Amino acid sequence: AFDEGQKYFLQYSPYTYYNEHCIIFNAEHIPMKINKATFKNLLNFTDILPHYFAGSNADLPIVGGSILSHDHYQGGHYTFAMEKAPVEKIYSMSGYGEVEIGRVKWPMSVVRLTSDNNEKLLDLADHILTSWRNYSDESVEILSHTGDEPHNTITPISRKRNGKYELDLVLRNNRTSAEHPLGIFHPHDEVHHIKKENIGLIEVMGLAVLPARLKEELNILKESLINKTSDISDNETVAKHSEWYKYILGKYSNISAENAEDILKSEVGLKFSEVLDHAGVFKRNEQGLAAFDKFINTL
């Protein structure tokens, strides 16, 4: 079922970030690469296990996964928030009448392709990837290359929905700048107290993989909220959260032992949404959405 007779193994992840979290990995030790064969493999995997999704991390540092040296995908039996996100705009493209093309209402920049014609869908996905690899729009800080170094790639996710193939193509760019040395389309400084690590496949789809340190830190914040502590900046462990903490303290007038944890969870969720906004190449504002449409119109 996989491209050019390649062999893949499947194992269940020891991390179990979500239900039936599995890793699909190449029998050969070859690097991660996003190309037409990747899309084909992901779609074919959903033929084998139609109730699973399958996705791949991108193939560039900063926006890629933790292991770029070995070709692998991730899958599982789980519905992520991104899957539930609706298509907010439909595009049409000549030659691809059998493929529904949509822009997904999501903090990151997602093109959703839907079709029961596997081949047409693959051709279009490959066309989008090839075009995106060389696409620049300086008005929104997207440059495809710095010299010979490529910046643009895609995080793809495939699933079956209502008997049709669905492929989400998440547009990524790993460029850095003096202002954002870790990445322009990467969590920015103001959210680093919650998350500064790379935004990989699982997070792209809306499930936050947060640093372990937050467990203790959020407990301290919870106790501080319950005790109405006005300033936490002298506590070394949580000083990084002090601005955020003051904001939460001011936002809610009814904090109690019963609701403090839920309030924090909700606020962490909002921060994570901000993280995804930072990682989106076309921002969710008028200029960003117009730039998204402009890219699609070049295809």
C-alpha atoms as a PDB file:
ATOM      1  CA  ALA A   1       0.000   0.000   0.000  1.00  0.00           C
ATOM      2  CA  PHE A   2       2.947   2.324   0.550  1.00  0.00           C
ATOM      3  CA  ASP A   3       4.877   4.163  -2.106  1.00  0.00           C
ATOM      4  CA  GLU A   4       7.344   2.169  -4.228  1.00  0.00           C
ATOM      5  CA  GLY A   5       7.037  -0.917  -2.079  1.00  0.00           C
ATOM      6  CA  GLN A   6       8.459   0.785   1.002  1.00  0.00           C
ATOM      7  CA  LYS A   7       7.914  -1.097   4.225  1.00  0.00           C
ATOM      8  CA  TYR A   8       6.575   0.602   7.319  1.00  0.00           C
ATOM      9  CA  PHE A   9       6.117  -0.684  10.842  1.00  0.00           C
ATOM     10  CA  LEU A  10       3.485   0.406  13.327  1.00  0.00           C
ATOM     11  CA  GLN A  11       3.943   0.662  17.057  1.00  0.00           C
ATOM     12  CA  TYR A  12       1.882   2.271  19.774  1.00  0.00           C
ATOM     13  CA  SER A  13       3.470   5.254  21.433  1.00  0.00           C
ATOM     14  CA  PRO A  14       4.638   5.016  25.044  1.00  0.00           C
ATOM     15  CA  TYR A  15       3.516   8.644  25.462  1.00  0.00           C
ATOM     16  CA  THR A  16      -0.173   8.020  24.662  1.00  0.00           C
ATOM     17  CA  TYR A  17      -0.888  11.691  24.094  1.00  0.00           C
ATOM     18  CA  TYR A  18      -4.305  10.624  22.782  1.00  0.00           C
ATOM     19  CA  ASN A  19      -6.313   7.460  22.132  1.00  0.00           C
ATOM     20  CA  GLU A  20      -4.443   4.718  20.235  1.00  0.00           C
ATOM     21  CA  HIS A  21      -1.518   7.050  19.538  1.00  0.00           C
ATOM     22  CA  CYS A  22       0.674   5.163  17.091  1.00  0.00           C
ATOM     23  CA  ILE A  23       3.910   5.736  15.213  1.00  0.00           C
ATOM     24  CA  ILE A  24       4.216   4.510  11.621  1.00  0.00           C
ATOM     25  CA  PHE A  25       7.902   4.314  10.796  1.00  0.00           C
ATOM     26  CA  ASN A  26       9.944   3.395   7.766  1.00  0.00           C
ATOM     27  CA  ALA A  27      11.852   0.111   7.859  1.00  0.00           C
ATOM     28  CA  GLU A  28      14.779   2.003   6.348  1.00  0.00           C
ATOM     29  CA  HIS A  29      16.683   4.664   8.237  1.00  0.00           C
ATOM     30  CA  ILE A  30      16.040   7.591   5.909  1.00  0.00           C
ATOM     31  CA  PRO A  31      15.321  11.232   6.832  1.00  0.00           C
ATOM     32  CA  MET A  32      11.887  12.821   7.059  1.00  0.00           C
ATOM     33  CA  LYS A  33      10.733  14.270   3.756  1.00  0.00           C
ATOM     34  CA  ILE A  34       7.446  15.871   2.819  1.00  0.00           C
ATOM     35  CA  ASN A  35       6.609  15.075  -0.803  1.00  0.00           C
ATOM     36  CA  LYS A  36       3.931  13.472  -2.949  1.00  0.00           C
ATOM     37  CA  ALA A  37       4.926  10.018  -1.677  1.00  0.00           C
ATOM     38  CA  THR A  38       4.281  11.223   1.891  1.00  0.00           C
ATOM     39  CA  PHE A  39       0.761  12.294   0.972  1.00  0.00           C
ATOM     40  CA  LYS A  40       0.176   8.995  -0.806  1.00  0.00           C
ATOM     41  CA  ASN A  41       1.375   6.999   2.202  1.00  0.00           C
ATOM     42  CA  LEU A  42      -0.840   8.964   4.581  1.00  0.00           C
ATOM     43  CA  LEU A  43      -3.921   8.488   2.408  1.00  0.00           C
ATOM     44  CA  ASN A  44      -3.160   4.803   1.896  1.00  0.00           C
ATOM     45  CA  PHE A  45      -2.822   4.347   5.637  1.00  0.00           C
ATOM     46  CA  THR A  46      -6.396   5.579   6.053  1.00  0.00           C
ATOM     47  CA  ASP A  47      -7.462   2.895   3.563  1.00  0.00           C
ATOM     48  CA  ILE A  48      -5.945   0.287   5.878  1.00  0.00           C
ATOM     49  CA  LEU A  49      -7.354   1.832   9.076  1.00  0.00           C
ATOM     50  CA  PRO A  50     -10.200   4.135   8.011  1.00  0.00           C
ATOM     51  CA  HIS A  51     -11.097   5.052  11.605  1.00  0.00           C
ATOM     52  CA  TYR A  52      -7.556   6.383  12.202  1.00  0.00           C
ATOM     53  CA  PHE A  53      -6.063   9.677  11.113  1.00  0.00           C
ATOM     54  CA  ALA A  54      -2.454   9.773   9.923  1.00  0.00           C
ATOM     55  CA  GLY A  55      -0.196  12.790   9.844  1.00  0.00           C
ATOM     56  CA  SER A  56       3.412  13.760   9.475  1.00  0.00           C
ATOM     57  CA  ASN A  57       5.562  16.353  11.095  1.00  0.00           C
ATOM     58  CA  ALA A  58       7.148  18.838   8.732  1.00  0.00           C
ATOM     59  CA  ASP A  59      10.637  18.167   7.402  1.00  0.00           C
ATOM     60  CA  LEU A  60      12.434  21.341   8.500  1.00  0.00           C
ATOM     61  CA  PRO A  61      13.883  22.354  11.878  1.00  0.00           C
ATOM     62  CA  ILE A  62      11.809  24.614  14.189  1.00  0.00           C
ATOM     63  CA  VAL A  63       8.531  23.661  12.483  1.00  0.00           C
ATOM     64  CA  GLY A  64       9.324  19.942  12.250  1.00  0.00           C
ATOM     65  CA  GLY A  65       9.199  17.105  14.721  1.00  0.00           C
ATOM     66  CA  SER A  66      11.774  16.064  17.262  1.00  0.00           C
ATOM     67  CA  ILE A  67      13.264  13.348  15.038  1.00  0.00           C
ATOM     68  CA  LEU A  68      13.953  14.592  11.514  1.00  0.00           C
ATOM     69  CA  SER A  69      16.524  11.855  10.923  1.00  0.00           C
ATOM     70  CA  HIS A  70      14.034   8.972  10.557  1.00  0.00           C
ATOM     71  CA  ASP A  71      11.022   8.896   8.255  1.00  0.00           C
ATOM     72  CA  HIS A  72       7.907   8.393  10.379  1.00  0.00           C
ATOM     73  CA  TYR A  73       4.268   9.404  10.722  1.00  0.00           C
ATOM     74  CA  GLN A  74       1.830   9.475  13.619  1.00  0.00           C
ATOM     75  CA  GLY A  75      -1.718   8.223  13.726  1.00  0.00           C
ATOM     76  CA  GLY A  76      -4.472   7.215  16.059  1.00  0.00           C
ATOM     77  CA  HIS A  77      -8.137   6.900  16.855  1.00  0.00           C
ATOM     78  CA  TYR A  78      -8.852  10.390  18.068  1.00  0.00           C
ATOM     79  CA  THR A  79     -10.744  13.463  16.904  1.00  0.00           C
ATOM     80  CA  PHE A  80      -8.665  16.606  17.252  1.00  0.00           C
ATOM     81  CA  ALA A  81     -10.124  20.102  17.433  1.00  0.00           C
ATOM     82  CA  MET A  82      -8.752  20.910  13.975  1.00  0.00           C
ATOM     83  CA  GLU A  83     -10.785  18.090  12.465  1.00  0.00           C
ATOM     84  CA  LYS A  84     -13.926  19.708  13.891  1.00  0.00           C
ATOM     85  CA  ALA A  85     -12.949  23.151  12.588  1.00  0.00           C
ATOM     86  CA  PRO A  86     -15.169  24.158   9.669  1.00  0.00           C
ATOM     87  CA  VAL A  87     -14.156  25.219   6.182  1.00  0.00           C
ATOM     88  CA  GLU A  88     -14.805  28.967   6.084  1.00  0.00           C
ATOM     89  CA  LYS A  89     -14.044  29.594   2.423  1.00  0.00           C
ATOM     90  CA  ILE A  90     -14.230  27.368  -0.640  1.00  0.00           C
ATOM     91  CA  TYR A  91     -11.926  27.788  -3.626  1.00  0.00           C
ATOM     92  CA  SER A  92     -12.178  26.327  -7.090  1.00  0.00           C
ATOM     93  CA  MET A  93      -9.273  25.407  -9.306  1.00  0.00           C
ATOM     94  CA  SER A  94      -9.428  24.469 -12.955  1.00  0.00           C
ATOM     95  CA  GLY A  95      -8.444  20.883 -13.600  1.00  0.00           C
ATOM     96  CA  TYR A  96      -9.371  19.861 -10.065  1.00  0.00           C
ATOM     97  CA  GLY A  97     -13.160  19.888 -10.214  1.00  0.00           C
ATOM     98  CA  GLU A  98     -13.343  16.605  -8.312  1.00  0.00           C
ATOM     99  CA  VAL A  99     -11.509  18.045  -5.318  1.00  0.00           C
ATOM    100  CA  GLU A 100     -13.141  20.329  -2.763  1.00  0.00           C
ATOM    101  CA  ILE A 101     -10.617  22.977  -1.706  1.00  0.00           C
ATOM    102  CA  GLY A 102     -11.238  24.949   1.460  1.00  0.00           C
ATOM    103  CA  ARG A 103      -9.618  27.302   3.930  1.00  0.00           C
ATOM    104  CA  VAL A 104     -10.109  25.999   7.453  1.00  0.00           C
ATOM    105  CA  LYS A 105     -11.188  28.294  10.276  1.00  0.00           C
ATOM    106  CA  TRP A 106      -8.183  27.600  12.487  1.00  0.00           C
ATOM    107  CA  PRO A 107      -5.391  29.683  14.090  1.00  0.00           C
ATOM    108  CA  MET A 108      -2.826  28.105  11.775  1.00  0.00           C
ATOM    109  CA  SER A 109      -3.031  28.275   7.979  1.00  0.00           C
ATOM    110  CA  VAL A 110      -4.757  25.144   6.707  1.00  0.00           C
ATOM    111  CA  VAL A 111      -5.873  24.148   3.210  1.00  0.00           C
ATOM    112  CA  ARG A 112      -8.345  21.242   3.353  1.00  0.00           C
ATOM    113  CA  LEU A 113      -8.674  18.995   0.307  1.00  0.00           C
ATOM    114  CA  THR A 114     -11.569  16.542   0.072  1.00  0.00           C
ATOM    115  CA  SER A 115     -12.255  14.043  -2.691  1.00  0.00           C
ATOM    116  CA  ASP A 116     -13.154  10.454  -3.412  1.00  0.00           C
ATOM    117  CA  ASN A 117     -10.584  10.587  -6.221  1.00  0.00           C
ATOM    118  CA  ASN A 118      -7.302   9.684  -4.556  1.00  0.00           C
ATOM    119  CA  GLU A 119      -5.158  10.500  -7.617  1.00  0.00           C
ATOM    120  CA  LYS A 120      -6.604  13.965  -8.248  1.00  0.00           C
ATOM    121  CA  LEU A 121      -6.283  14.829  -4.587  1.00  0.00           C
ATOM    122  CA  LEU A 122      -2.639  13.711  -4.578  1.00  0.00           C
ATOM    123  CA  ASP A 123      -1.850  15.713  -7.706  1.00  0.00           C
ATOM    124  CA  LEU A 124      -3.338  18.860  -6.219  1.00  0.00           C
ATOM    125  CA  ALA A 125      -1.634  18.344  -2.844  1.00  0.00           C
ATOM    126  CA  ASP A 126       1.688  17.962  -4.635  1.00  0.00           C
ATOM    127  CA  HIS A 127       1.003  21.093  -6.697  1.00  0.00           C
ATOM    128  CA  ILE A 128       0.231  23.078  -3.528  1.00  0.00           C
ATOM    129  CA  LEU A 129       3.388  21.782  -1.821  1.00  0.00           C
ATOM    130  CA  THR A 130       5.616  22.580  -4.803  1.00  0.00           C
ATOM    131  CA  SER A 131       4.123  26.060  -5.117  1.00  0.00           C
ATOM    132  CA  TRP A 132       4.380  26.750  -1.387  1.00  0.00           C
ATOM    133  CA  ARG A 133       8.037  25.651  -1.262  1.00  0.00           C
ATOM    134  CA  ASN A 134       8.905  28.608  -3.508  1.00  0.00           C
ATOM    135  CA  TYR A 135       6.286  31.115  -2.403  1.00  0.00           C
ATOM    136  CA  SER A 136       7.205  34.455  -0.850  1.00  0.00           C
ATOM    137  CA  ASP A 137       5.068  37.361   0.290  1.00  0.00           C
ATOM    138  CA  GLU A 138       7.158  39.981   2.050  1.00  0.00           C
ATOM    139  CA  SER A 139       4.058  41.917   3.099  1.00  0.00           C
ATOM    140  CA  VAL A 140       3.364  39.135   5.629  1.00  0.00           C
ATOM    141  CA  GLU A 141       7.018  38.234   6.333  1.00  0.00           C
ATOM    142  CA  ILE A 142       6.957  35.018   4.307  1.00  0.00           C
ATOM    143  CA  LEU A 143      10.218  34.384   2.475  1.00  0.00           C
ATOM    144  CA  SER A 144      10.694  30.963   0.915  1.00  0.00           C
ATOM    145  CA  HIS A 145      14.503  31.001   1.061  1.00  0.00           C
ATOM    146  CA  THR A 146      17.450  32.743   2.647  1.00  0.00           C
ATOM    147  CA  GLY A 147      20.158  32.117   0.074  1.00  0.00           C
ATOM    148  CA  ASP A 148      19.908  28.373  -0.531  1.00  0.00           C
ATOM    149  CA  GLU A 149      18.234  27.620   2.784  1.00  0.00           C
ATOM    150  CA  PRO A 150      14.567  26.666   2.323  1.00  0.00           C
ATOM    151  CA  HIS A 151      11.955  27.895   4.818  1.00  0.00           C
ATOM    152  CA  ASN A 152       8.584  26.712   3.519  1.00  0.00           C
ATOM    153  CA  THR A 153       7.109  23.287   4.109  1.00  0.00           C
ATOM    154  CA  ILE A 154       3.855  21.581   5.064  1.00  0.00           C
ATOM    155  CA  THR A 155       2.503  19.574   8.000  1.00  0.00           C
ATOM    156  CA  PRO A 156       0.016  17.142   6.375  1.00  0.00           C
ATOM    157  CA  ILE A 157      -2.832  15.244   8.069  1.00  0.00           C
ATOM    158  CA  SER A 158      -5.073  12.689   6.357  1.00  0.00           C
ATOM    159  CA  ARG A 159      -8.346  11.114   7.413  1.00  0.00           C
ATOM    160  CA  LYS A 160     -11.454   9.522   5.943  1.00  0.00           C
ATOM    161  CA  ARG A 161     -14.687  11.433   6.364  1.00  0.00           C
ATOM    162  CA  ASN A 162     -18.034  10.267   5.009  1.00  0.00           C
ATOM    163  CA  GLY A 163     -16.268   7.846   2.688  1.00  0.00           C
ATOM    164  CA  LYS A 164     -14.054  10.531   1.159  1.00  0.00           C
ATOM    165  CA  TYR A 165     -10.366  11.241   1.542  1.00  0.00           C
ATOM    166  CA  GLU A 166      -9.578  14.410   3.453  1.00  0.00           C
ATOM    167  CA  LEU A 167      -6.109  15.920   3.504  1.00  0.00           C
ATOM    168  CA  ASP A 168      -5.273  18.958   5.618  1.00  0.00           C
ATOM    169  CA  LEU A 169      -2.180  20.830   4.458  1.00  0.00           C
ATOM    170  CA  VAL A 170      -0.847  23.144   7.161  1.00  0.00           C
ATOM    171  CA  LEU A 171       1.461  25.772   5.678  1.00  0.00           C
ATOM    172  CA  ARG A 172       4.675  26.269   7.658  1.00  0.00           C
ATOM    173  CA  ASN A 173       7.691  28.580   7.519  1.00  0.00           C
ATOM    174  CA  ASN A 174      10.765  28.282   9.760  1.00  0.00           C
ATOM    175  CA  ARG A 175      12.459  31.623   9.152  1.00  0.00           C
ATOM    176  CA  THR A 176      14.015  33.439  12.107  1.00  0.00           C
ATOM    177  CA  SER A 177      14.733  37.125  12.657  1.00  0.00           C
ATOM    178  CA  ALA A 178      16.548  39.347  15.140  1.00  0.00           C
ATOM    179  CA  GLU A 179      13.214  40.049  16.812  1.00  0.00           C
ATOM    180  CA  HIS A 180      12.214  36.367  16.840  1.00  0.00           C
ATOM    181  CA  PRO A 181      15.458  34.356  16.947  1.00  0.00           C
ATOM    182  CA  LEU A 182      13.625  31.092  17.703  1.00  0.00           C
ATOM    183  CA  GLY A 183      11.274  31.541  14.759  1.00  0.00           C
ATOM    184  CA  ILE A 184       8.950  34.157  13.300  1.00  0.00           C
ATOM    185  CA  PHE A 185       6.140  31.578  13.023  1.00  0.00           C
ATOM    186  CA  HIS A 186       6.894  29.956  16.361  1.00  0.00           C
ATOM    187  CA  PRO A 187       5.760  30.799  19.917  1.00  0.00           C
ATOM    188  CA  HIS A 188       6.893  34.359  20.649  1.00  0.00           C
ATOM    189  CA  ASP A 189       8.500  35.624  23.852  1.00  0.00           C
ATOM    190  CA  GLU A 190       5.239  36.650  25.480  1.00  0.00           C
ATOM    191  CA  VAL A 191       3.964  33.051  25.581  1.00  0.00           C
ATOM    192  CA  HIS A 192       7.267  31.388  26.519  1.00  0.00           C
ATOM    193  CA  HIS A 193       6.191  31.177  30.154  1.00  0.00           C
ATOM    194  CA  ILE A 194       3.699  28.556  28.927  1.00  0.00           C
ATOM    195  CA  LYS A 195       5.377  27.134  25.826  1.00  0.00           C
ATOM    196  CA  LYS A 196       8.530  27.867  23.855  1.00  0.00           C
ATOM    197  CA  GLU A 197       9.162  24.480  22.263  1.00  0.00           C
ATOM    198  CA  ASN A 198       8.456  23.616  18.616  1.00  0.00           C
ATOM    199  CA  ILE A 199       4.872  23.306  17.441  1.00  0.00           C
ATOM    200  CA  GLY A 200       4.655  19.837  15.948  1.00  0.00           C
ATOM    201  CA  LEU A 201       1.926  17.741  14.394  1.00  0.00           C
ATOM    202  CA  ILE A 202      -0.081  17.025  17.554  1.00  0.00           C
ATOM    203  CA  GLU A 203      -0.191  20.670  18.580  1.00  0.00           C
ATOM    204  CA  VAL A 204      -0.949  21.856  15.068  1.00  0.00           C
ATOM    205  CA  MET A 205      -4.131  19.764  15.358  1.00  0.00           C
ATOM    206  CA  GLY A 206      -5.063  21.483  18.612  1.00  0.00           C
ATOM    207  CA  LEU A 207      -3.770  19.282  21.422  1.00  0.00           C
ATOM    208  CA  ALA A 208      -1.311  21.144  23.635  1.00  0.00           C
ATOM    209  CA  VAL A 209       1.798  19.215  24.627  1.00  0.00           C
ATOM    210  CA  LEU A 210       2.976  21.366  27.499  1.00  0.00           C
ATOM    211  CA  PRO A 211       6.265  21.300  29.424  1.00  0.00           C
ATOM    212  CA  ALA A 212       6.267  19.161  32.586  1.00  0.00           C
ATOM    213  CA  ARG A 213       7.356  22.148  34.693  1.00  0.00           C
ATOM    214  CA  LEU A 214       3.840  23.588  34.375  1.00  0.00           C
ATOM    215  CA  LYS A 215       2.407  20.920  36.649  1.00  0.00           C
ATOM    216  CA  GLU A 216       4.145  22.355  39.690  1.00  0.00           C
ATOM    217  CA  GLU A 217       3.938  25.950  38.499  1.00  0.00           C
ATOM    218  CA  LEU A 218       0.178  25.843  37.921  1.00  0.00           C
ATOM    219  CA  ASN A 219      -0.321  24.301  41.358  1.00  0.00           C
ATOM    220  CA  ILE A 220       1.530  27.227  42.917  1.00  0.00           C
ATOM    221  CA  LEU A 221      -0.540  29.662  40.845  1.00  0.00           C
ATOM    222  CA  LYS A 222      -3.734  27.915  41.916  1.00  0.00           C
ATOM    223  CA  GLU A 223      -2.870  28.268  45.607  1.00  0.00           C
ATOM    224  CA  SER A 224      -1.859  31.892  45.056  1.00  0.00           C
ATOM    225  CA  LEU A 225      -5.171  32.645  43.327  1.00  0.00           C
ATOM    226  CA  ILE A 226      -7.154  31.000  46.122  1.00  0.00           C
ATOM    227  CA  ASN A 227      -5.196  32.989  48.719  1.00  0.00           C
ATOM    228  CA  LYS A 228      -5.627  36.174  46.639  1.00  0.00           C
ATOM    229  CA  THR A 229      -1.857  36.749  46.694  1.00  0.00           C
ATOM    230  CA  SER A 230      -1.418  40.053  44.876  1.00  0.00           C
ATOM    231  CA  ASP A 231       2.135  39.560  43.589  1.00  0.00           C
ATOM    232  CA  ILE A 232       4.062  36.360  42.858  1.00  0.00           C
ATOM    233  CA  SER A 233       7.169  37.921  41.313  1.00  0.00           C
ATOM    234  CA  ASP A 234       9.306  37.123  44.359  1.00  0.00           C
ATOM    235  CA  ASN A 235       8.692  33.379  43.905  1.00  0.00           C
ATOM    236  CA  GLU A 236      11.465  32.213  41.592  1.00  0.00           C
ATOM    237  CA  THR A 237       9.542  29.169  40.333  1.00  0.00           C
ATOM    238  CA  VAL A 238       6.586  31.169  39.042  1.00  0.00           C
ATOM    239  CA  ALA A 239       7.974  34.700  38.612  1.00  0.00           C
ATOM    240  CA  LYS A 240       7.842  34.220  34.819  1.00  0.00           C
ATOM    241  CA  HIS A 241       4.036  34.021  35.111  1.00  0.00           C
ATOM    242  CA  SER A 242       3.606  37.165  37.208  1.00  0.00           C
ATOM    243  CA  GLU A 243       2.139  39.405  34.491  1.00  0.00           C
ATOM    244  CA  TRP A 244      -0.234  36.664  33.364  1.00  0.00           C
ATOM    245  CA  TYR A 245      -1.142  35.939  36.983  1.00  0.00           C
ATOM    246  CA  LYS A 246      -2.050  39.584  37.629  1.00  0.00           C
ATOM    247  CA  TYR A 247      -4.173  39.575  34.489  1.00  0.00           C
ATOM    248  CA  ILE A 248      -6.079  36.470  35.674  1.00  0.00           C
ATOM    249  CA  LEU A 249      -6.491  37.909  39.158  1.00  0.00           C
ATOM    250  CA  GLY A 250      -8.014  41.044  37.645  1.00  0.00           C
ATOM    251  CA  LYS A 251     -10.195  39.201  35.133  1.00  0.00           C
ATOM    252  CA  TYR A 252     -12.099  37.003  37.593  1.00  0.00           C
ATOM    253  CA  SER A 253     -13.828  38.402  40.657  1.00  0.00           C
ATOM    254  CA  ASN A 254     -15.105  35.080  41.989  1.00  0.00           C
ATOM    255  CA  ILE A 255     -11.974  32.924  42.322  1.00  0.00           C
ATOM    256  CA  SER A 256     -12.374  30.137  44.873  1.00  0.00           C
ATOM    257  CA  ALA A 257     -10.858  26.783  45.820  1.00  0.00           C
ATOM    258  CA  GLU A 258     -13.599  25.159  43.718  1.00  0.00           C
ATOM    259  CA  ASN A 259     -12.977  26.977  40.444  1.00  0.00           C
ATOM    260  CA  ALA A 260      -9.314  28.092  40.529  1.00  0.00           C
ATOM    261  CA  GLU A 261      -8.068  25.020  38.660  1.00  0.00           C
ATOM    262  CA  ASP A 262     -10.715  25.322  35.937  1.00  0.00           C
ATOM    263  CA  ILE A 263      -9.934  29.015  35.511  1.00  0.00           C
ATOM    264  CA  LEU A 264      -6.241  28.233  35.057  1.00  0.00           C
ATOM    265  CA  LYS A 265      -6.978  25.434  32.589  1.00  0.00           C
ATOM    266  CA  SER A 266      -9.166  27.764  30.567  1.00  0.00           C
ATOM    267  CA  GLU A 267      -6.509  30.500  30.582  1.00  0.00           C
ATOM    268  CA  VAL A 268      -3.768  28.036  29.569  1.00  0.00           C
ATOM    269  CA  GLY A 269      -6.024  27.032  26.676  1.00  0.00           C
ATOM    270  CA  LEU A 270      -6.289  30.665  25.586  1.00  0.00           C
ATOM    271  CA  LYS A 271      -2.501  30.995  25.771  1.00  0.00           C
ATOM    272  CA  PHE A 272      -2.135  27.876  23.653  1.00  0.00           C
ATOM    273  CA  SER A 273      -4.483  29.384  21.086  1.00  0.00           C
ATOM    274  CA  GLU A 274      -2.131  32.387  21.029  1.00  0.00           C
ATOM    275  CA  VAL A 275       0.800  29.997  20.504  1.00  0.00           C
ATOM    276  CA  LEU A 276      -0.976  28.564  17.445  1.00  0.00           C
ATOM    277  CA  ASP A 277      -1.673  32.094  16.184  1.00  0.00           C
ATOM    278  CA  HIS A 278       2.050  32.800  16.343  1.00  0.00           C
ATOM    279  CA  ALA A 279       2.776  29.617  14.370  1.00  0.00           C
ATOM    280  CA  GLY A 280       0.258  30.494  11.648  1.00  0.00           C
ATOM    281  CA  VAL A 281       1.903  31.916   8.525  1.00  0.00           C
ATOM    282  CA  PHE A 282      -1.173  33.862   7.422  1.00  0.00           C
ATOM    283  CA  LYS A 283      -2.616  35.664  10.434  1.00  0.00           C
ATOM    284  CA  ARG A 284      -6.324  35.595  11.233  1.00  0.00           C
ATOM    285  CA  ASN A 285      -6.830  39.244  10.364  1.00  0.00           C
ATOM    286  CA  GLU A 286      -7.919  41.016   7.207  1.00  0.00           C
ATOM    287  CA  GLN A 287      -4.389  41.351   5.850  1.00  0.00           C
ATOM    288  CA  GLY A 288      -3.487  37.748   6.661  1.00  0.00           C
ATOM    289  CA  LEU A 289      -6.605  36.210   5.143  1.00  0.00           C
ATOM    290  CA  ALA A 290      -6.208  38.337   2.010  1.00  0.00           C
ATOM    291  CA  ALA A 291      -2.611  37.080   1.758  1.00  0.00           C
ATOM    292  CA  PHE A 292      -3.869  33.487   2.180  1.00  0.00           C
ATOM    293  CA  ASP A 293      -6.308  33.990  -0.704  1.00  0.00           C
ATOM    294  CA  LYS A 294      -3.542  35.571  -2.773  1.00  0.00           C
ATOM    295  CA  PHE A 295      -1.409  32.440  -2.352  1.00  0.00           C
ATOM    296  CA  ILE A 296      -4.293  30.161  -3.354  1.00  0.00           C
ATOM    297  CA  ASN A 297      -4.963  32.340  -6.404  1.00  0.00           C
ATOM    298  CA  THR A 298      -1.380  31.837  -7.610  1.00  0.00           C
ATOM    299  CA  LEU A 299      -1.874  28.071  -7.840  1.00  0.00           C
END
